[in-house]
PDB file of all heavy atoms in Angstrom:
ATOM      1  N   ILE A   1      -0.526  -5.481   1.649  1.00  0.00           N
ATOM      2  CA  ILE A   1      -1.860  -5.937   1.473  1.00  0.00           C
ATOM      3  C   ILE A   1      -1.890  -7.460   1.757  1.00  0.00           C
ATOM      4  O   ILE A   1      -1.259  -8.225   1.012  1.00  0.00           O
ATOM      5  CB  ILE A   1      -2.381  -5.602   0.040  1.00  0.00           C
ATOM      6  CG1 ILE A   1      -2.503  -4.119  -0.207  1.00  0.00           C
ATOM      7  CG2 ILE A   1      -3.803  -6.204  -0.164  1.00  0.00           C
ATOM      8  CD1 ILE A   1      -2.783  -3.679  -1.465  1.00  0.00           C
ATOM      9  N   GLU A   2      -2.549  -7.870   2.854  1.00  0.00           N
ATOM     10  CA  GLU A   2      -2.527  -9.149   3.148  1.00  0.00           C
ATOM     11  C   GLU A   2      -3.604  -9.997   2.522  1.00  0.00           C
ATOM     12  O   GLU A   2      -4.716  -9.430   2.171  1.00  0.00           O
ATOM     13  CB  GLU A   2      -2.849  -9.295   4.761  1.00  0.00           C
ATOM     14  CG  GLU A   2      -1.636  -9.005   5.576  1.00  0.00           C
ATOM     15  CD  GLU A   2      -1.690  -9.639   6.927  1.00  0.00           C
ATOM     16  OE1 GLU A   2      -2.744  -9.943   7.493  1.00  0.00           O
ATOM     17  OE2 GLU A   2      -0.573  -9.808   7.450  1.00  0.00           O
ATOM     18  N   THR A   3      -3.297 -11.073   2.075  1.00  0.00           N
ATOM     19  CA  THR A   3      -4.077 -12.105   1.356  1.00  0.00           C
ATOM     20  C   THR A   3      -3.919 -13.418   2.089  1.00  0.00           C
ATOM     21  O   THR A   3      -3.134 -13.590   2.918  1.00  0.00           O
ATOM     22  CB  THR A   3      -3.717 -12.263  -0.132  1.00  0.00           C
ATOM     23  OG1 THR A   3      -2.455 -12.730  -0.266  1.00  0.00           O
ATOM     24  CG2 THR A   3      -3.873 -10.902  -0.987  1.00  0.00           C
ATOM     25  N   ASP A   4      -4.522 -14.464   1.545  1.00  0.00           N
ATOM     26  CA  ASP A   4      -4.246 -15.820   2.133  1.00  0.00           C
ATOM     27  C   ASP A   4      -2.915 -16.245   1.862  1.00  0.00           C
ATOM     28  O   ASP A   4      -2.381 -16.968   2.699  1.00  0.00           O
ATOM     29  CB  ASP A   4      -5.326 -16.843   1.331  1.00  0.00           C
ATOM     30  CG  ASP A   4      -6.736 -16.716   1.825  1.00  0.00           C
ATOM     31  OD1 ASP A   4      -6.997 -16.063   3.010  1.00  0.00           O
ATOM     32  OD2 ASP A   4      -7.591 -16.934   1.112  1.00  0.00           O
ATOM     33  N   GLU A   5      -2.303 -15.805   0.854  1.00  0.00           N
ATOM     34  CA  GLU A   5      -0.889 -16.241   0.417  1.00  0.00           C
ATOM     35  C   GLU A   5       0.190 -15.229   1.045  1.00  0.00           C
ATOM     36  O   GLU A   5       1.276 -15.762   1.205  1.00  0.00           O
ATOM     37  CB  GLU A   5      -0.734 -16.258  -1.120  1.00  0.00           C
ATOM     38  CG  GLU A   5      -1.607 -17.262  -1.775  1.00  0.00           C
ATOM     39  CD  GLU A   5      -3.102 -16.716  -1.998  1.00  0.00           C
ATOM     40  OE1 GLU A   5      -3.175 -15.574  -2.284  1.00  0.00           O
ATOM     41  OE2 GLU A   5      -4.006 -17.498  -2.016  1.00  0.00           O
ATOM     42  N   VAL A   6      -0.310 -14.036   1.175  1.00  0.00           N
ATOM     43  CA  VAL A   6       0.742 -13.066   1.661  1.00  0.00           C
ATOM     44  C   VAL A   6       0.420 -12.431   2.959  1.00  0.00           C
ATOM     45  O   VAL A   6      -0.698 -12.045   3.238  1.00  0.00           O
ATOM     46  CB  VAL A   6       0.919 -11.852   0.672  1.00  0.00           C
ATOM     47  CG1 VAL A   6       1.718 -10.868   1.050  1.00  0.00           C
ATOM     48  CG2 VAL A   6       1.198 -12.229  -0.836  1.00  0.00           C
ATOM     49  N   LYS A   7       1.377 -12.590   3.995  1.00  0.00           N
ATOM     50  CA  LYS A   7       1.157 -12.068   5.294  1.00  0.00           C
ATOM     51  C   LYS A   7       2.388 -10.973   5.542  1.00  0.00           C
ATOM     52  O   LYS A   7       3.519 -11.244   5.080  1.00  0.00           O
ATOM     53  CB  LYS A   7       1.178 -13.184   6.181  1.00  0.00           C
ATOM     54  CG  LYS A   7       0.065 -14.262   6.068  1.00  0.00           C
ATOM     55  CD  LYS A   7      -1.219 -13.547   6.300  1.00  0.00           C
ATOM     56  CE  LYS A   7      -2.351 -14.665   6.129  1.00  0.00           C
ATOM     57  NZ  LYS A   7      -3.669 -14.024   5.936  1.00  0.00           N
ATOM     58  N   ALA A   8       1.978 -10.121   6.503  1.00  0.00           N
ATOM     59  CA  ALA A   8       3.089  -9.141   6.734  1.00  0.00           C
ATOM     60  C   ALA A   8       4.090  -9.836   7.631  1.00  0.00           C
ATOM     61  O   ALA A   8       3.781 -10.562   8.570  1.00  0.00           O
ATOM     62  CB  ALA A   8       2.485  -8.062   7.549  1.00  0.00           C
ATOM     63  N   GLY A   9       5.342  -9.590   7.340  1.00  0.00           N
ATOM     64  CA  GLY A   9       6.374 -10.213   8.169  1.00  0.00           C
ATOM     65  C   GLY A   9       6.960  -9.122   9.153  1.00  0.00           C
ATOM     66  O   GLY A   9       6.368  -8.049   9.382  1.00  0.00           O
ATOM     67  N   GLU A  10       8.057  -9.377   9.683  1.00  0.00           N
ATOM     68  CA  GLU A  10       8.649  -8.650  10.697  1.00  0.00           C
ATOM     69  C   GLU A  10       9.143  -7.203  10.016  1.00  0.00           C
ATOM     70  O   GLU A  10       9.658  -6.983   8.940  1.00  0.00           O
ATOM     71  CB  GLU A  10      10.021  -9.245  11.212  1.00  0.00           C
ATOM     72  CG  GLU A  10      10.403  -8.479  12.518  1.00  0.00           C
ATOM     73  CD  GLU A  10      11.754  -9.156  13.130  1.00  0.00           C
ATOM     74  OE1 GLU A  10      11.694 -10.449  13.196  1.00  0.00           O
ATOM     75  OE2 GLU A  10      12.564  -8.509  13.712  1.00  0.00           O
ATOM     76  N   GLY A  11       8.723  -6.150  10.717  1.00  0.00           N
ATOM     77  CA  GLY A  11       8.881  -4.778  10.243  1.00  0.00           C
ATOM     78  C   GLY A  11       7.937  -4.358   9.199  1.00  0.00           C
ATOM     79  O   GLY A  11       8.107  -3.253   8.698  1.00  0.00           O
ATOM     80  N   GLN A  12       6.888  -5.131   9.002  1.00  0.00           N
ATOM     81  CA  GLN A  12       5.805  -4.851   7.971  1.00  0.00           C
ATOM     82  C   GLN A  12       4.544  -4.629   8.631  1.00  0.00           C
ATOM     83  O   GLN A  12       4.422  -5.268   9.823  1.00  0.00           O
ATOM     84  CB  GLN A  12       5.838  -5.839   6.932  1.00  0.00           C
ATOM     85  CG  GLN A  12       7.065  -5.917   6.067  1.00  0.00           C
ATOM     86  CD  GLN A  12       6.852  -7.047   5.054  1.00  0.00           C
ATOM     87  OE1 GLN A  12       6.317  -8.137   5.281  1.00  0.00           O
ATOM     88  NE2 GLN A  12       7.356  -6.946   3.830  1.00  0.00           N
ATOM     89  N   LYS A  13       3.655  -3.759   8.114  1.00  0.00           N
ATOM     90  CA  LYS A  13       2.386  -3.593   8.680  1.00  0.00           C
ATOM     91  C   LYS A  13       1.289  -4.073   7.715  1.00  0.00           C
ATOM     92  O   LYS A  13       1.300  -3.852   6.568  1.00  0.00           O
ATOM     93  CB  LYS A  13       2.130  -2.014   8.936  1.00  0.00           C
ATOM     94  CG  LYS A  13       3.013  -1.513   9.946  1.00  0.00           C
ATOM     95  CD  LYS A  13       2.744  -0.061  10.093  1.00  0.00           C
ATOM     96  CE  LYS A  13       3.434   0.744  11.079  1.00  0.00           C
ATOM     97  NZ  LYS A  13       3.132   2.183  11.268  1.00  0.00           N
ATOM     98  N   PRO A  14       0.265  -4.826   8.202  1.00  0.00           N
ATOM     99  CA  PRO A  14      -0.708  -5.423   7.287  1.00  0.00           C
ATOM    100  C   PRO A  14      -1.850  -4.370   6.943  1.00  0.00           C
ATOM    101  O   PRO A  14      -2.166  -3.447   7.807  1.00  0.00           O
ATOM    102  CB  PRO A  14      -1.374  -6.443   8.045  1.00  0.00           C
ATOM    103  CG  PRO A  14      -1.168  -6.060   9.671  1.00  0.00           C
ATOM    104  CD  PRO A  14       0.153  -5.331   9.645  1.00  0.00           C
ATOM    105  N   LEU A  15      -2.281  -4.413   5.764  1.00  0.00           N
ATOM    106  CA  LEU A  15      -3.507  -3.733   5.206  1.00  0.00           C
ATOM    107  C   LEU A  15      -4.508  -4.814   5.162  1.00  0.00           C
ATOM    108  O   LEU A  15      -4.614  -5.675   4.316  1.00  0.00           O
ATOM    109  CB  LEU A  15      -3.264  -3.059   3.835  1.00  0.00           C
ATOM    110  CG  LEU A  15      -2.542  -1.675   3.949  1.00  0.00           C
ATOM    111  CD1 LEU A  15      -2.072  -1.409   2.443  1.00  0.00           C
ATOM    112  CD2 LEU A  15      -3.246  -0.598   4.542  1.00  0.00           C
ATOM    113  N   LEU A  16      -5.438  -4.790   6.141  1.00  0.00           N
ATOM    114  CA  LEU A  16      -6.412  -5.841   6.279  1.00  0.00           C
ATOM    115  C   LEU A  16      -7.808  -5.479   5.531  1.00  0.00           C
ATOM    116  O   LEU A  16      -8.075  -4.334   5.457  1.00  0.00           O
ATOM    117  CB  LEU A  16      -6.759  -6.032   7.717  1.00  0.00           C
ATOM    118  CG  LEU A  16      -5.694  -6.345   8.701  1.00  0.00           C
ATOM    119  CD1 LEU A  16      -6.232  -6.364  10.122  1.00  0.00           C
ATOM    120  CD2 LEU A  16      -5.146  -7.802   8.349  1.00  0.00           C
ATOM    121  N   PRO A  17      -8.399  -6.432   4.718  1.00  0.00           N
ATOM    122  CA  PRO A  17      -9.574  -6.146   4.193  1.00  0.00           C
ATOM    123  C   PRO A  17     -10.541  -5.761   5.290  1.00  0.00           C
ATOM    124  O   PRO A  17     -10.478  -6.058   6.407  1.00  0.00           O
ATOM    125  CB  PRO A  17     -10.033  -7.590   3.686  1.00  0.00           C
ATOM    126  CG  PRO A  17      -8.748  -8.367   3.525  1.00  0.00           C
ATOM    127  CD  PRO A  17      -7.911  -7.889   4.596  1.00  0.00           C
ATOM    128  N   LEU A  18     -11.642  -4.902   4.784  1.00  0.00           N
ATOM    129  CA  LEU A  18     -12.485  -4.367   5.809  1.00  0.00           C
ATOM    130  C   LEU A  18     -13.027  -5.424   6.842  1.00  0.00           C
ATOM    131  O   LEU A  18     -13.114  -5.042   8.103  1.00  0.00           O
ATOM    132  CB  LEU A  18     -13.726  -3.692   5.040  1.00  0.00           C
ATOM    133  CG  LEU A  18     -14.775  -3.063   5.880  1.00  0.00           C
ATOM    134  CD1 LEU A  18     -14.018  -1.847   6.727  1.00  0.00           C
ATOM    135  CD2 LEU A  18     -15.838  -2.335   5.076  1.00  0.00           C
ATOM    136  N   ASP A  19     -13.606  -6.668   6.498  1.00  0.00           N
ATOM    137  CA  ASP A  19     -14.210  -7.462   7.458  1.00  0.00           C
ATOM    138  C   ASP A  19     -13.149  -7.855   8.493  1.00  0.00           C
ATOM    139  O   ASP A  19     -13.450  -7.999   9.698  1.00  0.00           O
ATOM    140  CB  ASP A  19     -14.879  -8.542   6.836  1.00  0.00           C
ATOM    141  CG  ASP A  19     -16.204  -8.234   5.992  1.00  0.00           C
ATOM    142  OD1 ASP A  19     -16.771  -7.173   6.366  1.00  0.00           O
ATOM    143  OD2 ASP A  19     -16.582  -8.918   5.050  1.00  0.00           O
ATOM    144  N   ALA A  20     -12.019  -8.194   7.923  1.00  0.00           N
ATOM    145  CA  ALA A  20     -10.878  -8.639   8.869  1.00  0.00           C
ATOM    146  C   ALA A  20     -10.429  -7.455   9.807  1.00  0.00           C
ATOM    147  O   ALA A  20     -10.129  -7.728  10.994  1.00  0.00           O
ATOM    148  CB  ALA A  20      -9.745  -9.163   8.027  1.00  0.00           C
ATOM    149  N   PHE A  21     -10.413  -6.302   9.268  1.00  0.00           N
ATOM    150  CA  PHE A  21     -10.103  -5.104  10.142  1.00  0.00           C
ATOM    151  C   PHE A  21     -11.132  -4.856  11.218  1.00  0.00           C
ATOM    152  O   PHE A  21     -10.742  -4.598  12.352  1.00  0.00           O
ATOM    153  CB  PHE A  21     -10.127  -3.809   9.177  1.00  0.00           C
ATOM    154  CG  PHE A  21      -9.943  -2.563   9.963  1.00  0.00           C
ATOM    155  CD1 PHE A  21      -8.768  -2.143  10.408  1.00  0.00           C
ATOM    156  CD2 PHE A  21     -11.020  -1.864  10.316  1.00  0.00           C
ATOM    157  CE1 PHE A  21      -8.688  -0.931  11.142  1.00  0.00           C
ATOM    158  CE2 PHE A  21     -11.024  -0.642  11.071  1.00  0.00           C
ATOM    159  CZ  PHE A  21      -9.805  -0.290  11.454  1.00  0.00           C
ATOM    160  N   LEU A  22     -12.466  -5.043  10.783  1.00  0.00           N
ATOM    161  CA  LEU A  22     -13.497  -4.895  11.738  1.00  0.00           C
ATOM    162  C   LEU A  22     -13.391  -5.957  12.889  1.00  0.00           C
ATOM    163  O   LEU A  22     -13.579  -5.627  14.132  1.00  0.00           O
ATOM    164  CB  LEU A  22     -14.951  -4.841  11.252  1.00  0.00           C
ATOM    165  CG  LEU A  22     -15.070  -3.624  10.273  1.00  0.00           C
ATOM    166  CD1 LEU A  22     -16.456  -3.806   9.408  1.00  0.00           C
ATOM    167  CD2 LEU A  22     -15.139  -2.332  11.065  1.00  0.00           C
ATOM    168  N   SER A  23     -13.040  -7.087  12.505  1.00  0.00           N
ATOM    169  CA  SER A  23     -12.814  -8.226  13.603  1.00  0.00           C
ATOM    170  C   SER A  23     -11.669  -7.915  14.459  1.00  0.00           C
ATOM    171  O   SER A  23     -11.770  -8.185  15.584  1.00  0.00           O
ATOM    172  CB  SER A  23     -12.577  -9.547  12.841  1.00  0.00           C
ATOM    173  OG  SER A  23     -13.898  -9.939  12.186  1.00  0.00           O
ATOM    174  N   ALA A  24     -10.604  -7.400  13.878  1.00  0.00           N
ATOM    175  CA  ALA A  24      -9.333  -7.122  14.599  1.00  0.00           C
ATOM    176  C   ALA A  24      -9.518  -5.983  15.686  1.00  0.00           C
ATOM    177  O   ALA A  24      -9.234  -6.082  16.731  1.00  0.00           O
ATOM    178  CB  ALA A  24      -8.320  -6.728  13.728  1.00  0.00           C
ATOM    179  N   VAL A  25     -10.332  -4.961  15.219  1.00  0.00           N
ATOM    180  CA  VAL A  25     -10.528  -3.894  16.225  1.00  0.00           C
ATOM    181  C   VAL A  25     -11.404  -4.189  17.333  1.00  0.00           C
ATOM    182  O   VAL A  25     -11.451  -3.634  18.390  1.00  0.00           O
ATOM    183  CB  VAL A  25     -10.962  -2.505  15.431  1.00  0.00           C
ATOM    184  CG1 VAL A  25      -9.983  -1.933  14.556  1.00  0.00           C
ATOM    185  CG2 VAL A  25     -12.397  -2.783  14.728  1.00  0.00           C
ATOM    186  N   ALA A  26     -12.368  -5.215  17.109  1.00  0.00           N
ATOM    187  CA  ALA A  26     -13.216  -5.762  18.109  1.00  0.00           C
ATOM    188  C   ALA A  26     -12.526  -6.502  19.161  1.00  0.00           C
ATOM    189  O   ALA A  26     -12.876  -6.621  20.284  1.00  0.00           O
ATOM    190  CB  ALA A  26     -14.245  -6.604  17.479  1.00  0.00           C
ATOM    191  N   GLU A  27     -11.334  -7.024  18.801  1.00  0.00           N
ATOM    192  CA  GLU A  27     -10.495  -7.789  19.737  1.00  0.00           C
ATOM    193  C   GLU A  27      -9.333  -7.194  20.264  1.00  0.00           C
ATOM    194  O   GLU A  27      -8.595  -7.697  21.273  1.00  0.00           O
ATOM    195  CB  GLU A  27      -9.936  -9.081  18.909  1.00  0.00           C
ATOM    196  CG  GLU A  27     -11.117  -9.931  18.419  1.00  0.00           C
ATOM    197  CD  GLU A  27     -10.499 -11.042  17.549  1.00  0.00           C
ATOM    198  OE1 GLU A  27      -9.334 -11.230  17.369  1.00  0.00           O
ATOM    199  OE2 GLU A  27     -11.489 -11.689  16.955  1.00  0.00           O
ATOM    200  N   THR A  28      -9.045  -5.869  19.973  1.00  0.00           N
ATOM    201  CA  THR A  28      -7.693  -5.305  20.401  1.00  0.00           C
ATOM    202  C   THR A  28      -7.963  -3.833  20.498  1.00  0.00           C
ATOM    203  O   THR A  28      -8.795  -3.231  19.877  1.00  0.00           O
ATOM    204  CB  THR A  28      -6.468  -5.543  19.497  1.00  0.00           C
ATOM    205  OG1 THR A  28      -5.412  -4.922  20.040  1.00  0.00           O
ATOM    206  CG2 THR A  28      -6.808  -4.996  18.001  1.00  0.00           C
ATOM    207  N   ASN A  29      -7.137  -3.066  21.235  1.00  0.00           N
ATOM    208  CA  ASN A  29      -7.146  -1.680  21.414  1.00  0.00           C
ATOM    209  C   ASN A  29      -6.101  -0.988  20.493  1.00  0.00           C
ATOM    210  O   ASN A  29      -5.755   0.100  20.841  1.00  0.00           O
ATOM    211  CB  ASN A  29      -7.065  -1.218  22.863  1.00  0.00           C
ATOM    212  CG  ASN A  29      -8.311  -1.613  23.608  1.00  0.00           C
ATOM    213  OD1 ASN A  29      -9.487  -1.576  23.023  1.00  0.00           O
ATOM    214  ND2 ASN A  29      -8.306  -1.901  24.875  1.00  0.00           N
ATOM    215  N   GLU A  30      -5.414  -1.809  19.747  1.00  0.00           N
ATOM    216  CA  GLU A  30      -4.291  -1.300  19.024  1.00  0.00           C
ATOM    217  C   GLU A  30      -4.622  -0.084  18.035  1.00  0.00           C
ATOM    218  O   GLU A  30      -5.656   0.021  17.522  1.00  0.00           O
ATOM    219  CB  GLU A  30      -3.902  -2.539  18.073  1.00  0.00           C
ATOM    220  CG  GLU A  30      -2.509  -2.125  17.423  1.00  0.00           C
ATOM    221  CD  GLU A  30      -1.955  -3.426  16.575  1.00  0.00           C
ATOM    222  OE1 GLU A  30      -2.532  -4.564  16.785  1.00  0.00           O
ATOM    223  OE2 GLU A  30      -1.094  -3.278  15.791  1.00  0.00           O
ATOM    224  N   VAL A  31      -3.673   0.811  17.916  1.00  0.00           N
ATOM    225  CA  VAL A  31      -3.767   1.863  17.065  1.00  0.00           C
ATOM    226  C   VAL A  31      -2.673   1.861  15.979  1.00  0.00           C
ATOM    227  O   VAL A  31      -1.873   0.981  16.038  1.00  0.00           O
ATOM    228  CB  VAL A  31      -3.634   3.352  17.696  1.00  0.00           C
ATOM    229  CG1 VAL A  31      -4.843   3.350  18.813  1.00  0.00           C
ATOM    230  CG2 VAL A  31      -2.272   3.370  18.376  1.00  0.00           C
ATOM    231  N   GLY A  32      -2.817   2.755  14.917  1.00  0.00           N
ATOM    232  CA  GLY A  32      -1.744   2.651  13.831  1.00  0.00           C
ATOM    233  C   GLY A  32      -2.070   1.554  12.817  1.00  0.00           C
ATOM    234  O   GLY A  32      -1.232   1.147  12.115  1.00  0.00           O
ATOM    235  N   LEU A  33      -3.411   1.238  12.632  1.00  0.00           N
ATOM    236  CA  LEU A  33      -3.852   0.109  11.793  1.00  0.00           C
ATOM    237  C   LEU A  33      -3.982   0.634  10.336  1.00  0.00           C
ATOM    238  O   LEU A  33      -4.117   1.727  10.187  1.00  0.00           O
ATOM    239  CB  LEU A  33      -5.152  -0.554  12.374  1.00  0.00           C
ATOM    240  CG  LEU A  33      -5.092  -1.004  13.810  1.00  0.00           C
ATOM    241  CD1 LEU A  33      -6.471  -1.310  14.273  1.00  0.00           C
ATOM    242  CD2 LEU A  33      -4.207  -2.073  13.890  1.00  0.00           C
ATOM    243  N   GLY A  34      -4.013  -0.485   9.464  1.00  0.00           N
ATOM    244  CA  GLY A  34      -4.233  -0.183   8.095  1.00  0.00           C
ATOM    245  C   GLY A  34      -5.313  -0.963   7.588  1.00  0.00           C
ATOM    246  O   GLY A  34      -5.568  -2.259   8.011  1.00  0.00           O
ATOM    247  N   VAL A  35      -6.154  -0.475   6.684  1.00  0.00           N
ATOM    248  CA  VAL A  35      -7.407  -1.162   6.157  1.00  0.00           C
ATOM    249  C   VAL A  35      -7.215  -1.012   4.596  1.00  0.00           C
ATOM    250  O   VAL A  35      -7.067  -0.064   4.034  1.00  0.00           O
ATOM    251  CB  VAL A  35      -8.664  -0.704   6.720  1.00  0.00           C
ATOM    252  CG1 VAL A  35      -8.886   0.634   6.560  1.00  0.00           C
ATOM    253  CG2 VAL A  35      -9.922  -1.570   6.446  1.00  0.00           C
ATOM    254  N   LEU A  36      -7.678  -2.066   3.877  1.00  0.00           N
ATOM    255  CA  LEU A  36      -7.931  -2.089   2.434  1.00  0.00           C
ATOM    256  C   LEU A  36      -9.395  -2.055   2.138  1.00  0.00           C
ATOM    257  O   LEU A  36     -10.240  -2.880   2.658  1.00  0.00           O
ATOM    258  CB  LEU A  36      -7.383  -3.382   1.838  1.00  0.00           C
ATOM    259  CG  LEU A  36      -7.603  -3.547   0.417  1.00  0.00           C
ATOM    260  CD1 LEU A  36      -6.865  -2.451  -0.478  1.00  0.00           C
ATOM    261  CD2 LEU A  36      -7.127  -4.847  -0.045  1.00  0.00           C
ATOM    262  N   ILE A  37      -9.786  -1.036   1.419  1.00  0.00           N
ATOM    263  CA  ILE A  37     -11.252  -0.890   0.998  1.00  0.00           C
ATOM    264  C   ILE A  37     -11.343  -1.253  -0.394  1.00  0.00           C
ATOM    265  O   ILE A  37     -10.717  -0.612  -1.306  1.00  0.00           O
ATOM    266  CB  ILE A  37     -11.712   0.647   1.162  1.00  0.00           C
ATOM    267  CG1 ILE A  37     -11.601   1.046   2.691  1.00  0.00           C
ATOM    268  CG2 ILE A  37     -13.034   0.746   0.720  1.00  0.00           C
ATOM    269  CD1 ILE A  37     -12.326   0.380   3.733  1.00  0.00           C
ATOM    270  N   LYS A  38     -12.346  -2.239  -0.658  1.00  0.00           N
ATOM    271  CA  LYS A  38     -12.577  -2.773  -2.006  1.00  0.00           C
ATOM    272  C   LYS A  38     -13.868  -1.856  -2.508  1.00  0.00           C
ATOM    273  O   LYS A  38     -14.549  -1.231  -1.782  1.00  0.00           O
ATOM    274  CB  LYS A  38     -12.836  -4.128  -2.025  1.00  0.00           C
ATOM    275  CG  LYS A  38     -11.587  -4.810  -1.583  1.00  0.00           C
ATOM    276  CD  LYS A  38     -11.861  -6.544  -1.629  1.00  0.00           C
ATOM    277  CE  LYS A  38     -10.604  -7.065  -1.233  1.00  0.00           C
ATOM    278  NZ  LYS A  38     -10.715  -8.615  -1.049  1.00  0.00           N
ATOM    279  N   PRO A  39     -13.962  -1.709  -3.860  1.00  0.00           N
ATOM    280  CA  PRO A  39     -15.101  -1.044  -4.387  1.00  0.00           C
ATOM    281  C   PRO A  39     -16.472  -1.273  -3.876  1.00  0.00           C
ATOM    282  O   PRO A  39     -17.285  -0.250  -3.562  1.00  0.00           O
ATOM    283  CB  PRO A  39     -15.156  -1.308  -5.849  1.00  0.00           C
ATOM    284  CG  PRO A  39     -13.686  -1.756  -6.139  1.00  0.00           C
ATOM    285  CD  PRO A  39     -13.234  -2.457  -4.920  1.00  0.00           C
ATOM    286  N   ALA A  40     -16.851  -2.449  -3.433  1.00  0.00           N
ATOM    287  CA  ALA A  40     -18.257  -2.550  -2.942  1.00  0.00           C
ATOM    288  C   ALA A  40     -18.297  -2.509  -1.381  1.00  0.00           C
ATOM    289  O   ALA A  40     -19.390  -2.728  -0.909  1.00  0.00           O
ATOM    290  CB  ALA A  40     -18.652  -4.020  -3.274  1.00  0.00           C
ATOM    291  N   ASP A  41     -17.324  -2.112  -0.709  1.00  0.00           N
ATOM    292  CA  ASP A  41     -17.271  -2.045   0.663  1.00  0.00           C
ATOM    293  C   ASP A  41     -17.953  -0.708   1.141  1.00  0.00           C
ATOM    294  O   ASP A  41     -18.087   0.253   0.399  1.00  0.00           O
ATOM    295  CB  ASP A  41     -15.847  -1.967   1.296  1.00  0.00           C
ATOM    296  CG  ASP A  41     -15.056  -3.301   1.308  1.00  0.00           C
ATOM    297  OD1 ASP A  41     -15.763  -4.415   1.221  1.00  0.00           O
ATOM    298  OD2 ASP A  41     -13.830  -3.240   1.412  1.00  0.00           O
ATOM    299  N   ASP A  42     -18.594  -0.847   2.394  1.00  0.00           N
ATOM    300  CA  ASP A  42     -19.213   0.333   2.954  1.00  0.00           C
ATOM    301  C   ASP A  42     -18.272   1.103   3.918  1.00  0.00           C
ATOM    302  O   ASP A  42     -18.094   0.661   4.954  1.00  0.00           O
ATOM    303  CB  ASP A  42     -20.422  -0.203   3.661  1.00  0.00           C
ATOM    304  CG  ASP A  42     -21.249   0.810   4.303  1.00  0.00           C
ATOM    305  OD1 ASP A  42     -20.916   2.179   4.277  1.00  0.00           O
ATOM    306  OD2 ASP A  42     -22.263   0.712   5.103  1.00  0.00           O
ATOM    307  N   VAL A  43     -17.690   2.147   3.390  1.00  0.00           N
ATOM    308  CA  VAL A  43     -16.599   2.788   4.180  1.00  0.00           C
ATOM    309  C   VAL A  43     -17.261   3.534   5.458  1.00  0.00           C
ATOM    310  O   VAL A  43     -16.500   3.653   6.437  1.00  0.00           O
ATOM    311  CB  VAL A  43     -15.842   3.996   3.464  1.00  0.00           C
ATOM    312  CG1 VAL A  43     -15.045   3.298   2.267  1.00  0.00           C
ATOM    313  CG2 VAL A  43     -16.769   4.985   2.954  1.00  0.00           C
TER     314      VAL A  43
END
């Protein structure tokens, strides 16, 4: 789970907050992504 303090390192995959995930998918065609949904998010 990525935060301002914690980032995925080599061999790790990030779980991005919804807004960061939506920004990432707009910029890349990558698959196999992870997303973190918080209680107030719109899934």
